[in-house]
């Protein structure tokens, strides 16, 4: 990770869970990390907790469902740090909205965040790297095992479709980068069940239950995977990481 020391990473959905864990790991590795989310107070708390680490954390309030706010954030990054070298597209959500009876607005929210925001951030990050002659940057998409198989629960079917889109978008952007003769790398990390508040949006009135003795993945497991792929030599591109708890069947 030494070659990333002092360089700039953007992490979306940085206020909690996987995004927060990734920010902590990158700051401890000496990077300048811009973390964005709608919950600015949580970002400020994280900034205070990381103030004595070797890197630095810089909070930015951004609603990723609004393209104007995303573009404003990238202008802020350009003004303060010239641009990004790493973009971790972590922000995402699942809402309980089945295909046969779901709410259009819920579908639109998932599309805007899981697909469009990820695509806009990736585009702006690539343009930022190209404009500065950065040829060793990295795009990391936090995908899901739901982007590779469809489970039986109707609550997750539209969410799964958005994550299948992430799988296709990752492969497509890699093809475009190769056509540009760029050595910017792109990786998809697909976790299974992680011990976060992810399911609270799907089942807002249902308390979190134990997973029948199954040890879930921890957010740090995902951040460790990010460090692993960034630590690979510049000529090595880790395309996909699938990871789930040992006891998870699907």
C-alpha atoms as a PDB file:
ATOM      1  CA  UNK A   1       0.000   0.000   0.000  1.00  0.00           C
ATOM      2  CA  UNK A   2       3.043   2.287   0.148  1.00  0.00           C
ATOM      3  CA  UNK A   3       2.480   3.647  -3.361  1.00  0.00           C
ATOM      4  CA  UNK A   4      -0.945   4.951  -2.321  1.00  0.00           C
ATOM      5  CA  UNK A   5       0.438   6.996   0.563  1.00  0.00           C
ATOM      6  CA  UNK A   6      -0.770  10.599   0.295  1.00  0.00           C
ATOM      7  CA  UNK A   7      -3.059   9.923  -2.649  1.00  0.00           C
ATOM      8  CA  UNK A   8      -6.787  10.636  -2.789  1.00  0.00           C
ATOM      9  CA  UNK A   9      -9.654   8.165  -2.435  1.00  0.00           C
ATOM     10  CA  UNK A  10     -13.382   8.827  -2.640  1.00  0.00           C
ATOM     11  CA  UNK A  11     -15.662   6.489  -0.674  1.00  0.00           C
ATOM     12  CA  UNK A  12     -19.423   6.799  -1.105  1.00  0.00           C
ATOM     13  CA  UNK A  13     -21.844   5.781   1.622  1.00  0.00           C
ATOM     14  CA  UNK A  14     -19.114   6.502   4.157  1.00  0.00           C
ATOM     15  CA  UNK A  15     -21.141   7.248   7.279  1.00  0.00           C
ATOM     16  CA  UNK A  16     -21.672   3.675   8.515  1.00  0.00           C
ATOM     17  CA  UNK A  17     -21.152  -0.027   7.912  1.00  0.00           C
ATOM     18  CA  UNK A  18     -18.916  -1.117   5.060  1.00  0.00           C
ATOM     19  CA  UNK A  19     -18.223   2.420   3.868  1.00  0.00           C
ATOM     20  CA  UNK A  20     -17.075   3.558   7.298  1.00  0.00           C
ATOM     21  CA  UNK A  21     -14.810   0.506   7.643  1.00  0.00           C
ATOM     22  CA  UNK A  22     -13.231   1.181   4.232  1.00  0.00           C
ATOM     23  CA  UNK A  23     -12.589   4.803   5.179  1.00  0.00           C
ATOM     24  CA  UNK A  24     -10.899   3.768   8.417  1.00  0.00           C
ATOM     25  CA  UNK A  25      -8.636   1.293   6.644  1.00  0.00           C
ATOM     26  CA  UNK A  26      -7.611   3.711   3.884  1.00  0.00           C
ATOM     27  CA  UNK A  27      -6.888   6.573   6.292  1.00  0.00           C
ATOM     28  CA  UNK A  28      -4.754   4.251   8.417  1.00  0.00           C
ATOM     29  CA  UNK A  29      -2.808   3.407   5.241  1.00  0.00           C
ATOM     30  CA  UNK A  30      -1.944   7.071   4.764  1.00  0.00           C
ATOM     31  CA  UNK A  31      -4.481   8.136   2.125  1.00  0.00           C
ATOM     32  CA  UNK A  32      -6.464  11.342   1.908  1.00  0.00           C
ATOM     33  CA  UNK A  33      -9.998   9.979   2.031  1.00  0.00           C
ATOM     34  CA  UNK A  34     -13.058  11.939   0.966  1.00  0.00           C
ATOM     35  CA  UNK A  35     -16.103  10.262   2.464  1.00  0.00           C
ATOM     36  CA  UNK A  36     -19.562  11.245   1.335  1.00  0.00           C
ATOM     37  CA  UNK A  37     -23.047  10.541   2.660  1.00  0.00           C
ATOM     38  CA  UNK A  38     -26.236  12.366   3.539  1.00  0.00           C
ATOM     39  CA  UNK A  39     -25.597  12.021   7.305  1.00  0.00           C
ATOM     40  CA  UNK A  40     -23.005  14.761   7.701  1.00  0.00           C
ATOM     41  CA  UNK A  41     -22.970  14.573  11.499  1.00  0.00           C
ATOM     42  CA  UNK A  42     -21.835  10.935  11.340  1.00  0.00           C
ATOM     43  CA  UNK A  43     -19.100  11.888   8.872  1.00  0.00           C
ATOM     44  CA  UNK A  44     -17.881  14.633  11.195  1.00  0.00           C
ATOM     45  CA  UNK A  45     -17.739  12.166  14.069  1.00  0.00           C
ATOM     46  CA  UNK A  46     -15.653   9.826  11.913  1.00  0.00           C
ATOM     47  CA  UNK A  47     -13.364  12.720  10.963  1.00  0.00           C
ATOM     48  CA  UNK A  48     -12.720  13.423  14.631  1.00  0.00           C
ATOM     49  CA  UNK A  49     -12.013   9.759  15.380  1.00  0.00           C
ATOM     50  CA  UNK A  50      -9.446   9.557  12.554  1.00  0.00           C
ATOM     51  CA  UNK A  51      -7.655  12.850  13.173  1.00  0.00           C
ATOM     52  CA  UNK A  52      -4.528  11.224  14.632  1.00  0.00           C
ATOM     53  CA  UNK A  53      -4.043   8.607  11.901  1.00  0.00           C
ATOM     54  CA  UNK A  54      -1.335   8.775   9.229  1.00  0.00           C
ATOM     55  CA  UNK A  55      -3.793   9.800   6.530  1.00  0.00           C
ATOM     56  CA  UNK A  56      -6.722  12.201   6.698  1.00  0.00           C
ATOM     57  CA  UNK A  57     -10.501  12.062   6.391  1.00  0.00           C
ATOM     58  CA  UNK A  58     -12.542  14.776   4.693  1.00  0.00           C
ATOM     59  CA  UNK A  59     -16.344  14.639   5.007  1.00  0.00           C
ATOM     60  CA  UNK A  60     -18.632  15.842   2.221  1.00  0.00           C
ATOM     61  CA  UNK A  61     -22.413  15.914   2.442  1.00  0.00           C
ATOM     62  CA  UNK A  62     -23.868  14.529  -0.781  1.00  0.00           C
ATOM     63  CA  UNK A  63     -27.154  12.984  -1.848  1.00  0.00           C
ATOM     64  CA  UNK A  64     -25.954  10.585  -4.518  1.00  0.00           C
ATOM     65  CA  UNK A  65     -29.411  10.374  -6.059  1.00  0.00           C
ATOM     66  CA  UNK A  66     -28.901  13.955  -7.302  1.00  0.00           C
ATOM     67  CA  UNK A  67     -26.395  14.256 -10.167  1.00  0.00           C
ATOM     68  CA  UNK A  68     -25.854  17.966  -9.482  1.00  0.00           C
ATOM     69  CA  UNK A  69     -24.688  17.145  -5.958  1.00  0.00           C
ATOM     70  CA  UNK A  70     -22.311  14.485  -7.268  1.00  0.00           C
ATOM     71  CA  UNK A  71     -20.799  16.911  -9.778  1.00  0.00           C
ATOM     72  CA  UNK A  72     -20.498  19.562  -7.063  1.00  0.00           C
ATOM     73  CA  UNK A  73     -18.640  17.041  -4.890  1.00  0.00           C
ATOM     74  CA  UNK A  74     -16.180  16.238  -7.666  1.00  0.00           C
ATOM     75  CA  UNK A  75     -15.575  19.972  -8.211  1.00  0.00           C
ATOM     76  CA  UNK A  76     -14.862  20.283  -4.475  1.00  0.00           C
ATOM     77  CA  UNK A  77     -12.385  17.409  -4.678  1.00  0.00           C
ATOM     78  CA  UNK A  78     -10.707  19.027  -7.689  1.00  0.00           C
ATOM     79  CA  UNK A  79     -10.426  22.373  -5.907  1.00  0.00           C
ATOM     80  CA  UNK A  80      -8.963  20.857  -2.741  1.00  0.00           C
ATOM     81  CA  UNK A  81      -6.966  17.838  -3.968  1.00  0.00           C
ATOM     82  CA  UNK A  82      -6.771  18.185  -7.787  1.00  0.00           C
ATOM     83  CA  UNK A  83      -8.731  14.936  -8.259  1.00  0.00           C
ATOM     84  CA  UNK A  84      -9.264  11.324  -7.217  1.00  0.00           C
ATOM     85  CA  UNK A  85      -6.945   8.352  -7.635  1.00  0.00           C
ATOM     86  CA  UNK A  86      -9.304   5.743  -6.154  1.00  0.00           C
ATOM     87  CA  UNK A  87     -13.107   5.670  -6.273  1.00  0.00           C
ATOM     88  CA  UNK A  88     -14.913   3.206  -4.031  1.00  0.00           C
ATOM     89  CA  UNK A  89     -18.570   2.993  -5.056  1.00  0.00           C
ATOM     90  CA  UNK A  90     -19.977   1.618  -1.834  1.00  0.00           C
ATOM     91  CA  UNK A  91     -23.331   3.378  -1.419  1.00  0.00           C
ATOM     92  CA  UNK A  92     -26.362   1.213  -2.124  1.00  0.00           C
ATOM     93  CA  UNK A  93     -29.747   0.254  -0.751  1.00  0.00           C
ATOM     94  CA  UNK A  94     -32.410  -2.428  -0.867  1.00  0.00           C
ATOM     95  CA  UNK A  95     -36.086  -1.641  -0.436  1.00  0.00           C
ATOM     96  CA  UNK A  96     -38.888  -4.187  -0.089  1.00  0.00           C
ATOM     97  CA  UNK A  97     -40.650  -3.679  -3.414  1.00  0.00           C
ATOM     98  CA  UNK A  98     -41.508  -6.941  -5.241  1.00  0.00           C
ATOM     99  CA  UNK A  99     -41.661  -7.051  -9.027  1.00  0.00           C
ATOM    100  CA  UNK A 100     -45.335  -8.016  -9.113  1.00  0.00           C
ATOM    101  CA  UNK A 101     -46.640  -5.499  -6.601  1.00  0.00           C
ATOM    102  CA  UNK A 102     -43.857  -3.032  -5.852  1.00  0.00           C
ATOM    103  CA  UNK A 103     -43.777   0.741  -5.623  1.00  0.00           C
ATOM    104  CA  UNK A 104     -42.305   2.596  -8.604  1.00  0.00           C
ATOM    105  CA  UNK A 105     -40.674   5.223  -6.407  1.00  0.00           C
ATOM    106  CA  UNK A 106     -38.843   2.516  -4.437  1.00  0.00           C
ATOM    107  CA  UNK A 107     -37.560   1.034  -7.699  1.00  0.00           C
ATOM    108  CA  UNK A 108     -36.457   4.484  -8.834  1.00  0.00           C
ATOM    109  CA  UNK A 109     -34.570   5.084  -5.558  1.00  0.00           C
ATOM    110  CA  UNK A 110     -32.669   1.818  -5.964  1.00  0.00           C
ATOM    111  CA  UNK A 111     -31.858   2.542  -9.608  1.00  0.00           C
ATOM    112  CA  UNK A 112     -30.707   6.088  -8.840  1.00  0.00           C
ATOM    113  CA  UNK A 113     -28.382   5.022  -6.034  1.00  0.00           C
ATOM    114  CA  UNK A 114     -27.251   1.512  -6.946  1.00  0.00           C
ATOM    115  CA  UNK A 115     -26.850   2.029 -10.696  1.00  0.00           C
ATOM    116  CA  UNK A 116     -26.861   5.661 -11.826  1.00  0.00           C
ATOM    117  CA  UNK A 117     -24.851   7.151  -8.929  1.00  0.00           C
ATOM    118  CA  UNK A 118     -22.264   4.402  -9.284  1.00  0.00           C
ATOM    119  CA  UNK A 119     -22.023   5.072 -13.033  1.00  0.00           C
ATOM    120  CA  UNK A 120     -21.770   8.846 -12.614  1.00  0.00           C
ATOM    121  CA  UNK A 121     -19.084   8.578  -9.921  1.00  0.00           C
ATOM    122  CA  UNK A 122     -17.120   6.087 -12.028  1.00  0.00           C
ATOM    123  CA  UNK A 123     -17.325   8.362 -15.081  1.00  0.00           C
ATOM    124  CA  UNK A 124     -16.228  11.433 -13.152  1.00  0.00           C
ATOM    125  CA  UNK A 125     -13.405   9.515 -11.451  1.00  0.00           C
ATOM    126  CA  UNK A 126     -12.079   8.199 -14.763  1.00  0.00           C
ATOM    127  CA  UNK A 127     -12.243  11.681 -16.296  1.00  0.00           C
ATOM    128  CA  UNK A 128     -10.448  13.104 -13.260  1.00  0.00           C
ATOM    129  CA  UNK A 129      -7.681  10.518 -13.597  1.00  0.00           C
ATOM    130  CA  UNK A 130      -7.325  10.984 -17.359  1.00  0.00           C
ATOM    131  CA  UNK A 131      -7.170  14.791 -17.116  1.00  0.00           C
ATOM    132  CA  UNK A 132      -4.198  14.525 -14.721  1.00  0.00           C
ATOM    133  CA  UNK A 133      -2.404  11.718 -16.512  1.00  0.00           C
ATOM    134  CA  UNK A 134      -3.113   9.248 -13.711  1.00  0.00           C
ATOM    135  CA  UNK A 135      -2.750   5.820 -15.316  1.00  0.00           C
ATOM    136  CA  UNK A 136      -2.680   3.626 -12.212  1.00  0.00           C
ATOM    137  CA  UNK A 137      -5.955   4.596 -10.530  1.00  0.00           C
ATOM    138  CA  UNK A 138      -8.576   2.164  -9.317  1.00  0.00           C
ATOM    139  CA  UNK A 139     -12.377   1.935  -9.358  1.00  0.00           C
ATOM    140  CA  UNK A 140     -13.859  -0.411  -6.750  1.00  0.00           C
ATOM    141  CA  UNK A 141     -17.540  -1.344  -6.938  1.00  0.00           C
ATOM    142  CA  UNK A 142     -19.062  -2.837  -3.810  1.00  0.00           C
ATOM    143  CA  UNK A 143     -21.432  -5.235  -5.506  1.00  0.00           C
ATOM    144  CA  UNK A 144     -23.339  -8.131  -3.861  1.00  0.00           C
ATOM    145  CA  UNK A 145     -23.792 -11.853  -4.200  1.00  0.00           C
ATOM    146  CA  UNK A 146     -27.280 -10.755  -5.333  1.00  0.00           C
ATOM    147  CA  UNK A 147     -25.576  -9.543  -8.489  1.00  0.00           C
ATOM    148  CA  UNK A 148     -24.762 -13.159  -9.366  1.00  0.00           C
ATOM    149  CA  UNK A 149     -27.792 -15.189  -8.233  1.00  0.00           C
ATOM    150  CA  UNK A 150     -31.463 -14.535  -7.442  1.00  0.00           C
ATOM    151  CA  UNK A 151     -32.809 -15.715  -4.102  1.00  0.00           C
ATOM    152  CA  UNK A 152     -36.430 -16.783  -3.600  1.00  0.00           C
ATOM    153  CA  UNK A 153     -37.524 -13.793  -1.491  1.00  0.00           C
ATOM    154  CA  UNK A 154     -39.555 -11.314  -3.618  1.00  0.00           C
ATOM    155  CA  UNK A 155     -38.342  -8.487  -1.376  1.00  0.00           C
ATOM    156  CA  UNK A 156     -34.917  -8.630  -3.016  1.00  0.00           C
ATOM    157  CA  UNK A 157     -35.715  -9.222  -6.691  1.00  0.00           C
ATOM    158  CA  UNK A 158     -35.517  -5.610  -7.905  1.00  0.00           C
ATOM    159  CA  UNK A 159     -32.456  -5.002  -5.729  1.00  0.00           C
ATOM    160  CA  UNK A 160     -30.883  -8.060  -7.312  1.00  0.00           C
ATOM    161  CA  UNK A 161     -31.557  -6.609 -10.766  1.00  0.00           C
ATOM    162  CA  UNK A 162     -29.663  -3.444  -9.829  1.00  0.00           C
ATOM    163  CA  UNK A 163     -26.715  -5.507  -8.635  1.00  0.00           C
ATOM    164  CA  UNK A 164     -26.729  -7.579 -11.816  1.00  0.00           C
ATOM    165  CA  UNK A 165     -26.416  -4.192 -13.511  1.00  0.00           C
ATOM    166  CA  UNK A 166     -23.334  -3.451 -11.390  1.00  0.00           C
ATOM    167  CA  UNK A 167     -21.799  -6.730 -12.573  1.00  0.00           C
ATOM    168  CA  UNK A 168     -22.382  -5.717 -16.194  1.00  0.00           C
ATOM    169  CA  UNK A 169     -21.242  -2.127 -15.660  1.00  0.00           C
ATOM    170  CA  UNK A 170     -17.993  -3.289 -14.077  1.00  0.00           C
ATOM    171  CA  UNK A 171     -17.196  -5.551 -17.022  1.00  0.00           C
ATOM    172  CA  UNK A 172     -18.239  -2.866 -19.491  1.00  0.00           C
ATOM    173  CA  UNK A 173     -16.068  -0.149 -17.958  1.00  0.00           C
ATOM    174  CA  UNK A 174     -13.105  -2.514 -17.888  1.00  0.00           C
ATOM    175  CA  UNK A 175     -13.572  -3.070 -21.632  1.00  0.00           C
ATOM    176  CA  UNK A 176     -13.702   0.688 -22.239  1.00  0.00           C
ATOM    177  CA  UNK A 177     -10.562   1.284 -20.170  1.00  0.00           C
ATOM    178  CA  UNK A 178      -8.689  -1.319 -22.208  1.00  0.00           C
ATOM    179  CA  UNK A 179      -9.908   0.315 -25.446  1.00  0.00           C
ATOM    180  CA  UNK A 180      -8.435   3.592 -24.119  1.00  0.00           C
ATOM    181  CA  UNK A 181      -5.128   1.775 -23.522  1.00  0.00           C
ATOM    182  CA  UNK A 182      -5.564   2.811 -19.898  1.00  0.00           C
ATOM    183  CA  UNK A 183      -4.070   0.907 -16.996  1.00  0.00           C
ATOM    184  CA  UNK A 184      -6.734   2.156 -14.593  1.00  0.00           C
ATOM    185  CA  UNK A 185      -8.045  -0.942 -12.841  1.00  0.00           C
ATOM    186  CA  UNK A 186     -11.586  -1.861 -11.825  1.00  0.00           C
ATOM    187  CA  UNK A 187     -12.783  -4.455  -9.330  1.00  0.00           C
ATOM    188  CA  UNK A 188     -16.153  -5.755  -8.160  1.00  0.00           C
ATOM    189  CA  UNK A 189     -16.391  -7.018  -4.572  1.00  0.00           C
ATOM    190  CA  UNK A 190     -19.532  -9.082  -3.928  1.00  0.00           C
ATOM    191  CA  UNK A 191     -20.268  -9.845  -0.269  1.00  0.00           C
ATOM    192  CA  UNK A 192     -22.912 -12.183   1.033  1.00  0.00           C
ATOM    193  CA  UNK A 193     -24.616 -11.437   4.333  1.00  0.00           C
ATOM    194  CA  UNK A 194     -22.814  -8.748   6.329  1.00  0.00           C
ATOM    195  CA  UNK A 195     -23.511  -7.706   9.915  1.00  0.00           C
ATOM    196  CA  UNK A 196     -24.790  -4.174   9.163  1.00  0.00           C
ATOM    197  CA  UNK A 197     -28.126  -2.325   9.266  1.00  0.00           C
ATOM    198  CA  UNK A 198     -28.709  -3.205   5.577  1.00  0.00           C
ATOM    199  CA  UNK A 199     -31.881  -5.189   6.264  1.00  0.00           C
ATOM    200  CA  UNK A 200     -33.517  -2.346   8.215  1.00  0.00           C
ATOM    201  CA  UNK A 201     -34.587  -0.744   4.926  1.00  0.00           C
ATOM    202  CA  UNK A 202     -36.049  -4.007   3.674  1.00  0.00           C
ATOM    203  CA  UNK A 203     -37.859  -4.874   6.912  1.00  0.00           C
ATOM    204  CA  UNK A 204     -38.168  -1.528   8.768  1.00  0.00           C
ATOM    205  CA  UNK A 205     -40.639  -2.828  11.365  1.00  0.00           C
ATOM    206  CA  UNK A 206     -38.844  -6.072  12.062  1.00  0.00           C
ATOM    207  CA  UNK A 207     -36.043  -6.189  14.666  1.00  0.00           C
ATOM    208  CA  UNK A 208     -32.731  -7.644  13.587  1.00  0.00           C
ATOM    209  CA  UNK A 209     -32.699 -11.374  14.271  1.00  0.00           C
ATOM    210  CA  UNK A 210     -29.904 -13.825  14.721  1.00  0.00           C
ATOM    211  CA  UNK A 211     -28.845 -15.733  11.606  1.00  0.00           C
ATOM    212  CA  UNK A 212     -29.524 -19.159  13.106  1.00  0.00           C
ATOM    213  CA  UNK A 213     -26.022 -19.472  14.489  1.00  0.00           C
ATOM    214  CA  UNK A 214     -24.344 -18.338  11.280  1.00  0.00           C
ATOM    215  CA  UNK A 215     -21.402 -16.008  11.733  1.00  0.00           C
ATOM    216  CA  UNK A 216     -21.991 -13.119   9.325  1.00  0.00           C
ATOM    217  CA  UNK A 217     -19.284 -11.219   7.523  1.00  0.00           C
ATOM    218  CA  UNK A 218     -18.072  -8.094   9.280  1.00  0.00           C
ATOM    219  CA  UNK A 219     -17.606  -4.726   7.583  1.00  0.00           C
ATOM    220  CA  UNK A 220     -13.880  -5.043   8.200  1.00  0.00           C
ATOM    221  CA  UNK A 221     -13.823  -8.199   6.078  1.00  0.00           C
ATOM    222  CA  UNK A 222     -14.898  -6.085   3.109  1.00  0.00           C
ATOM    223  CA  UNK A 223     -12.424  -3.308   3.875  1.00  0.00           C
ATOM    224  CA  UNK A 224      -9.674  -5.946   4.116  1.00  0.00           C
ATOM    225  CA  UNK A 225     -10.644  -7.069   0.603  1.00  0.00           C
ATOM    226  CA  UNK A 226     -10.318  -3.476  -0.627  1.00  0.00           C
ATOM    227  CA  UNK A 227      -6.820  -3.256   0.846  1.00  0.00           C
ATOM    228  CA  UNK A 228      -5.956  -6.593  -0.780  1.00  0.00           C
ATOM    229  CA  UNK A 229      -6.934  -5.500  -4.291  1.00  0.00           C
ATOM    230  CA  UNK A 230      -5.240  -2.101  -3.925  1.00  0.00           C
ATOM    231  CA  UNK A 231      -2.091  -3.836  -2.685  1.00  0.00           C
ATOM    232  CA  UNK A 232      -1.768  -5.927  -5.863  1.00  0.00           C
ATOM    233  CA  UNK A 233       1.144  -4.918  -8.115  1.00  0.00           C
ATOM    234  CA  UNK A 234       0.207  -2.393 -10.843  1.00  0.00           C
ATOM    235  CA  UNK A 235       0.286  -5.122 -13.521  1.00  0.00           C
ATOM    236  CA  UNK A 236      -2.248  -7.260 -11.615  1.00  0.00           C
ATOM    237  CA  UNK A 237      -5.967  -6.531 -11.805  1.00  0.00           C
ATOM    238  CA  UNK A 238      -8.218  -8.430  -9.417  1.00  0.00           C
ATOM    239  CA  UNK A 239     -11.480  -8.415 -11.378  1.00  0.00           C
ATOM    240  CA  UNK A 240     -13.968 -10.021  -8.987  1.00  0.00           C
ATOM    241  CA  UNK A 241     -14.084 -11.075  -5.361  1.00  0.00           C
ATOM    242  CA  UNK A 242     -17.026 -13.161  -4.132  1.00  0.00           C
ATOM    243  CA  UNK A 243     -17.161 -13.573  -0.371  1.00  0.00           C
ATOM    244  CA  UNK A 244     -19.792 -14.872   2.028  1.00  0.00           C
ATOM    245  CA  UNK A 245     -19.972 -16.460   5.466  1.00  0.00           C
ATOM    246  CA  UNK A 246     -18.799 -20.056   5.503  1.00  0.00           C
ATOM    247  CA  UNK A 247     -22.262 -21.216   6.642  1.00  0.00           C
ATOM    248  CA  UNK A 248     -24.248 -19.207   4.065  1.00  0.00           C
ATOM    249  CA  UNK A 249     -25.752 -21.641   1.570  1.00  0.00           C
ATOM    250  CA  UNK A 250     -26.770 -19.304  -1.265  1.00  0.00           C
END
